[in-house]
N, C-alpha and C. Protein backbone atom coordinates (compact mmCIF):
# COMPACT_ATOMS: atom_id res chain seq x y z
N MET A 1 -191.13 66.16 -62.50
CA MET A 1 -190.58 65.46 -63.64
C MET A 1 -189.58 66.33 -64.38
N ARG A 2 -189.81 67.64 -64.42
CA ARG A 2 -188.86 68.55 -65.08
C ARG A 2 -187.81 68.98 -64.06
N VAL A 3 -186.57 68.99 -64.50
CA VAL A 3 -185.46 69.28 -63.60
C VAL A 3 -184.52 70.29 -64.28
N GLY A 4 -183.91 71.16 -63.50
CA GLY A 4 -182.96 72.12 -64.02
C GLY A 4 -181.60 71.49 -64.22
N VAL A 5 -180.94 71.80 -65.35
CA VAL A 5 -179.62 71.27 -65.65
C VAL A 5 -178.71 72.41 -66.09
N THR A 6 -177.41 72.19 -65.97
CA THR A 6 -176.41 73.16 -66.39
C THR A 6 -175.67 72.62 -67.60
N LEU A 7 -175.43 73.48 -68.58
CA LEU A 7 -174.72 73.08 -69.79
C LEU A 7 -173.31 73.65 -69.78
N ALA A 8 -172.31 72.82 -70.08
CA ALA A 8 -170.92 73.23 -70.08
C ALA A 8 -170.33 73.06 -71.48
N CYS A 9 -169.47 73.98 -71.86
CA CYS A 9 -168.80 73.93 -73.16
C CYS A 9 -167.82 72.76 -73.18
N THR A 10 -167.76 72.04 -74.29
CA THR A 10 -166.85 70.90 -74.39
C THR A 10 -165.42 71.34 -74.66
N ASP A 11 -165.21 72.55 -75.17
CA ASP A 11 -163.86 73.02 -75.47
C ASP A 11 -163.18 73.63 -74.24
N CYS A 12 -163.82 74.62 -73.63
CA CYS A 12 -163.20 75.33 -72.51
C CYS A 12 -163.70 74.85 -71.15
N LYS A 13 -164.69 73.97 -71.12
CA LYS A 13 -165.24 73.35 -69.91
C LYS A 13 -165.93 74.33 -68.96
N ARG A 14 -166.28 75.49 -69.44
CA ARG A 14 -166.98 76.47 -68.60
C ARG A 14 -168.48 76.26 -68.68
N ARG A 15 -169.15 76.48 -67.55
CA ARG A 15 -170.60 76.33 -67.48
C ARG A 15 -171.25 77.64 -67.90
N ASN A 16 -171.90 77.63 -69.07
CA ASN A 16 -172.42 78.85 -69.66
C ASN A 16 -173.94 78.99 -69.57
N TYR A 17 -174.66 77.89 -69.63
CA TYR A 17 -176.11 77.95 -69.75
C TYR A 17 -176.79 77.07 -68.70
N THR A 18 -178.00 77.47 -68.33
CA THR A 18 -178.88 76.63 -67.52
C THR A 18 -180.17 76.47 -68.29
N THR A 19 -180.77 75.30 -68.19
CA THR A 19 -182.01 75.00 -68.89
C THR A 19 -182.77 73.94 -68.10
N ILE A 20 -183.96 73.62 -68.55
CA ILE A 20 -184.74 72.57 -67.91
C ILE A 20 -184.99 71.45 -68.92
N LYS A 21 -185.10 70.23 -68.39
CA LYS A 21 -185.39 69.11 -69.27
C LYS A 21 -186.38 68.19 -68.57
N ASN A 22 -187.05 67.39 -69.38
CA ASN A 22 -187.99 66.41 -68.87
C ASN A 22 -187.24 65.08 -68.74
N LYS A 23 -187.11 64.59 -67.52
CA LYS A 23 -186.36 63.35 -67.29
C LYS A 23 -187.02 62.14 -67.93
N LYS A 24 -188.32 62.19 -68.12
CA LYS A 24 -189.02 61.07 -68.74
C LYS A 24 -188.69 60.97 -70.23
N ASN A 25 -188.62 62.11 -70.92
CA ASN A 25 -188.33 62.12 -72.36
C ASN A 25 -186.84 62.02 -72.65
N ASP A 26 -185.99 62.60 -71.78
CA ASP A 26 -184.54 62.62 -71.98
C ASP A 26 -183.84 62.07 -70.74
N PRO A 27 -183.79 60.75 -70.58
CA PRO A 27 -183.15 60.19 -69.38
C PRO A 27 -181.62 60.33 -69.40
N SER A 28 -181.02 60.41 -70.58
CA SER A 28 -179.57 60.55 -70.66
C SER A 28 -179.19 62.03 -70.66
N ARG A 29 -177.90 62.29 -70.63
CA ARG A 29 -177.43 63.68 -70.64
C ARG A 29 -177.66 64.30 -72.02
N ILE A 30 -178.11 65.55 -72.03
CA ILE A 30 -178.43 66.21 -73.29
C ILE A 30 -177.21 66.95 -73.83
N GLU A 31 -177.20 67.16 -75.14
CA GLU A 31 -176.16 67.92 -75.82
C GLU A 31 -176.83 68.93 -76.74
N MET A 32 -176.33 70.16 -76.71
CA MET A 32 -176.87 71.22 -77.57
C MET A 32 -175.71 72.00 -78.16
N LYS A 33 -175.88 72.47 -79.37
CA LYS A 33 -174.89 73.33 -79.98
C LYS A 33 -175.29 74.77 -79.69
N LYS A 34 -174.48 75.46 -78.88
CA LYS A 34 -174.80 76.82 -78.45
C LYS A 34 -173.55 77.69 -78.53
N TYR A 35 -173.75 79.00 -78.43
CA TYR A 35 -172.65 79.95 -78.52
C TYR A 35 -171.92 80.04 -77.18
N CYS A 36 -170.60 79.93 -77.22
CA CYS A 36 -169.76 80.11 -76.04
C CYS A 36 -169.07 81.46 -76.13
N ARG A 37 -169.32 82.33 -75.18
CA ARG A 37 -168.76 83.68 -75.25
C ARG A 37 -167.27 83.69 -74.93
N PHE A 38 -166.77 82.65 -74.27
CA PHE A 38 -165.35 82.58 -73.95
C PHE A 38 -164.54 82.08 -75.15
N CYS A 39 -165.09 81.11 -75.88
CA CYS A 39 -164.45 80.61 -77.10
C CYS A 39 -164.77 81.49 -78.31
N ARG A 40 -165.82 82.27 -78.21
CA ARG A 40 -166.32 83.15 -79.27
C ARG A 40 -166.69 82.39 -80.53
N THR A 41 -167.32 81.22 -80.34
CA THR A 41 -167.79 80.42 -81.46
C THR A 41 -168.90 79.49 -80.96
N HIS A 42 -169.59 78.86 -81.90
CA HIS A 42 -170.62 77.88 -81.54
C HIS A 42 -169.94 76.54 -81.29
N THR A 43 -170.19 75.97 -80.12
CA THR A 43 -169.61 74.69 -79.74
C THR A 43 -170.70 73.81 -79.15
N VAL A 44 -170.39 72.54 -78.99
CA VAL A 44 -171.31 71.60 -78.36
C VAL A 44 -171.24 71.79 -76.85
N HIS A 45 -172.40 71.92 -76.23
CA HIS A 45 -172.50 72.04 -74.78
C HIS A 45 -173.18 70.79 -74.24
N LYS A 46 -172.57 70.17 -73.20
CA LYS A 46 -173.11 68.95 -72.61
C LYS A 46 -173.62 69.24 -71.22
N GLU A 47 -174.58 68.42 -70.81
CA GLU A 47 -175.16 68.54 -69.47
C GLU A 47 -174.15 68.11 -68.42
N THR A 48 -174.03 68.91 -67.35
CA THR A 48 -173.14 68.57 -66.24
C THR A 48 -173.97 68.27 -65.00
N ARG A 49 -173.33 67.71 -64.01
CA ARG A 49 -174.03 67.40 -62.77
C ARG A 49 -173.73 68.41 -61.71
C-alpha cells in the first residue's frame, strides 16, 4: 500500500527529494513545501512519476 515517490521543485523542475506515501490515504499527487538547494529557497515540490 505504501509506495516510494519522487518530489520535484516547481521552479527549477529538478528532482530533489524522495519519500513514501500511502496510496489509500493520498490517491492524488502530493505537494510539499521544502527547501530547494538549487533555488536556495523554500518552494513547493510536487510528486513526479
